Amino acid sequence: MKIEEVGKAITDFFKKTLDRDSKVIKIAKPSDGWMGEAEIYEESSFIKSLGLPTRVQDRNIYEIKLTNNLEVSSYARKEKVMKEE
């Protein structure tokens, strides 16, 4: 399996599932399949919760796990990590 095929499987999955374009920012090959991370821009959930119209978008990172046959076994949005100063 070529890494390019893994990247395409990830972007295709997010396009179909979330109806969003994504940018693959990480792919790794553990022994039990593939792991990846994708960057996806989505409407700001905070602004949306206030009921305000906006074009502000949040940059979200999703983690995805695939089998060796490129079937998605799980995916989740990663929590934002705040830096302490």
C-alpha atoms as a PDB file:
ATOM      1  CA  MET A   1       0.000   0.000   0.000  1.00  0.00           C
ATOM      2  CA  LYS A   2       1.425   3.369  -0.999  1.00  0.00           C
ATOM      3  CA  ILE A   3       1.253   6.310   1.367  1.00  0.00           C
ATOM      4  CA  GLU A   4      -0.401   8.392  -1.380  1.00  0.00           C
ATOM      5  CA  GLU A   5      -3.293   5.910  -1.399  1.00  0.00           C
ATOM      6  CA  VAL A   6      -3.662   6.307   2.363  1.00  0.00           C
ATOM      7  CA  GLY A   7      -3.780  10.098   2.043  1.00  0.00           C
ATOM      8  CA  LYS A   8      -6.426   9.869  -0.679  1.00  0.00           C
ATOM      9  CA  ALA A   9      -8.508   7.456   1.430  1.00  0.00           C
ATOM     10  CA  ILE A  10      -8.387   9.936   4.331  1.00  0.00           C
ATOM     11  CA  THR A  11      -9.413  12.983   2.269  1.00  0.00           C
ATOM     12  CA  ASP A  12     -12.140  10.987   0.493  1.00  0.00           C
ATOM     13  CA  PHE A  13     -13.527   9.802   3.842  1.00  0.00           C
ATOM     14  CA  PHE A  14     -13.781  13.305   5.308  1.00  0.00           C
ATOM     15  CA  LYS A  15     -15.295  14.708   2.108  1.00  0.00           C
ATOM     16  CA  LYS A  16     -17.972  12.006   2.181  1.00  0.00           C
ATOM     17  CA  THR A  17     -18.555  11.953   5.953  1.00  0.00           C
ATOM     18  CA  LEU A  18     -18.242  15.629   6.957  1.00  0.00           C
ATOM     19  CA  ASP A  19     -18.761  17.204   3.530  1.00  0.00           C
ATOM     20  CA  ARG A  20     -15.510  19.133   4.048  1.00  0.00           C
ATOM     21  CA  ASP A  21     -12.221  19.375   2.228  1.00  0.00           C
ATOM     22  CA  SER A  22      -9.282  18.291   4.337  1.00  0.00           C
ATOM     23  CA  LYS A  23      -5.514  18.492   4.274  1.00  0.00           C
ATOM     24  CA  VAL A  24      -3.600  15.449   5.507  1.00  0.00           C
ATOM     25  CA  ILE A  25      -0.902  16.634   7.897  1.00  0.00           C
ATOM     26  CA  LYS A  26       0.308  13.307   9.309  1.00  0.00           C
ATOM     27  CA  ILE A  27       0.397   9.649   8.284  1.00  0.00           C
ATOM     28  CA  ALA A  28       2.004   6.870  10.309  1.00  0.00           C
ATOM     29  CA  LYS A  29       2.182   3.088   9.834  1.00  0.00           C
ATOM     30  CA  PRO A  30       1.835   1.231  13.133  1.00  0.00           C
ATOM     31  CA  SER A  31       1.813  -2.571  12.947  1.00  0.00           C
ATOM     32  CA  ASP A  32      -1.988  -2.854  12.925  1.00  0.00           C
ATOM     33  CA  GLY A  33      -2.925  -0.494  10.065  1.00  0.00           C
ATOM     34  CA  TRP A  34      -2.562   3.227   9.408  1.00  0.00           C
ATOM     35  CA  MET A  35      -2.998   6.377  11.493  1.00  0.00           C
ATOM     36  CA  GLY A  36      -3.407   9.863  10.172  1.00  0.00           C
ATOM     37  CA  GLU A  37      -4.303  13.420  11.048  1.00  0.00           C
ATOM     38  CA  ALA A  38      -6.214  15.836   8.867  1.00  0.00           C
ATOM     39  CA  GLU A  39      -6.770  19.567   9.125  1.00  0.00           C
ATOM     40  CA  ILE A  40     -10.357  20.656   8.472  1.00  0.00           C
ATOM     41  CA  TYR A  41     -11.850  24.141   8.613  1.00  0.00           C
ATOM     42  CA  GLU A  42     -15.385  24.246  10.021  1.00  0.00           C
ATOM     43  CA  GLU A  43     -17.821  26.947  11.098  1.00  0.00           C
ATOM     44  CA  SER A  44     -16.881  28.412  14.471  1.00  0.00           C
ATOM     45  CA  SER A  45     -18.943  26.456  16.995  1.00  0.00           C
ATOM     46  CA  PHE A  46     -18.682  29.332  19.491  1.00  0.00           C
ATOM     47  CA  ILE A  47     -19.991  31.970  17.090  1.00  0.00           C
ATOM     48  CA  LYS A  48     -22.658  29.552  15.873  1.00  0.00           C
ATOM     49  CA  SER A  49     -23.805  28.901  19.476  1.00  0.00           C
ATOM     50  CA  LEU A  50     -24.361  32.646  19.877  1.00  0.00           C
ATOM     51  CA  GLY A  51     -26.614  32.618  16.819  1.00  0.00           C
ATOM     52  CA  LEU A  52     -24.492  35.182  15.010  1.00  0.00           C
ATOM     53  CA  PRO A  53     -23.944  35.069  11.252  1.00  0.00           C
ATOM     54  CA  THR A  54     -20.261  34.833  10.435  1.00  0.00           C
ATOM     55  CA  ARG A  55     -17.706  33.472   8.067  1.00  0.00           C
ATOM     56  CA  VAL A  56     -15.266  32.736  10.887  1.00  0.00           C
ATOM     57  CA  GLN A  57     -13.952  29.203  10.701  1.00  0.00           C
ATOM     58  CA  ASP A  58     -12.150  27.087  13.272  1.00  0.00           C
ATOM     59  CA  ARG A  59      -9.135  25.018  12.302  1.00  0.00           C
ATOM     60  CA  ASN A  60      -9.800  21.527  13.653  1.00  0.00           C
ATOM     61  CA  ILE A  61      -7.526  18.513  13.619  1.00  0.00           C
ATOM     62  CA  TYR A  62      -9.048  15.077  13.212  1.00  0.00           C
ATOM     63  CA  GLU A  63      -7.292  11.808  14.014  1.00  0.00           C
ATOM     64  CA  ILE A  64      -8.208   8.795  11.917  1.00  0.00           C
ATOM     65  CA  LYS A  65      -7.317   5.099  12.123  1.00  0.00           C
ATOM     66  CA  LEU A  66      -7.509   2.803   9.120  1.00  0.00           C
ATOM     67  CA  THR A  67      -7.013  -0.922   8.657  1.00  0.00           C
ATOM     68  CA  ASN A  68      -4.356  -2.286   6.306  1.00  0.00           C
ATOM     69  CA  ASN A  69      -7.149  -2.444   3.677  1.00  0.00           C
ATOM     70  CA  LEU A  70      -7.849   1.303   4.195  1.00  0.00           C
ATOM     71  CA  GLU A  71     -11.181   0.793   5.918  1.00  0.00           C
ATOM     72  CA  VAL A  72     -11.761   3.453   8.574  1.00  0.00           C
ATOM     73  CA  SER A  73     -11.906   1.878  12.027  1.00  0.00           C
ATOM     74  CA  SER A  74     -12.243   5.147  13.986  1.00  0.00           C
ATOM     75  CA  TYR A  75     -11.941   8.903  13.789  1.00  0.00           C
ATOM     76  CA  ALA A  76     -12.278  11.763  16.254  1.00  0.00           C
ATOM     77  CA  ARG A  77     -11.630  15.476  16.477  1.00  0.00           C
ATOM     78  CA  LYS A  78      -8.619  16.177  18.649  1.00  0.00           C
ATOM     79  CA  GLU A  79      -9.119  18.539  21.562  1.00  0.00           C
ATOM     80  CA  LYS A  80      -7.346  21.857  21.313  1.00  0.00           C
ATOM     81  CA  VAL A  81      -4.375  22.101  23.619  1.00  0.00           C
ATOM     82  CA  MET A  82      -3.877  25.481  25.238  1.00  0.00           C
ATOM     83  CA  LYS A  83      -0.292  26.559  25.802  1.00  0.00           C
ATOM     84  CA  GLU A  84       0.582  27.806  29.262  1.00  0.00           C
ATOM     85  CA  GLU A  85       2.918  30.747  29.509  1.00  0.00           C
END
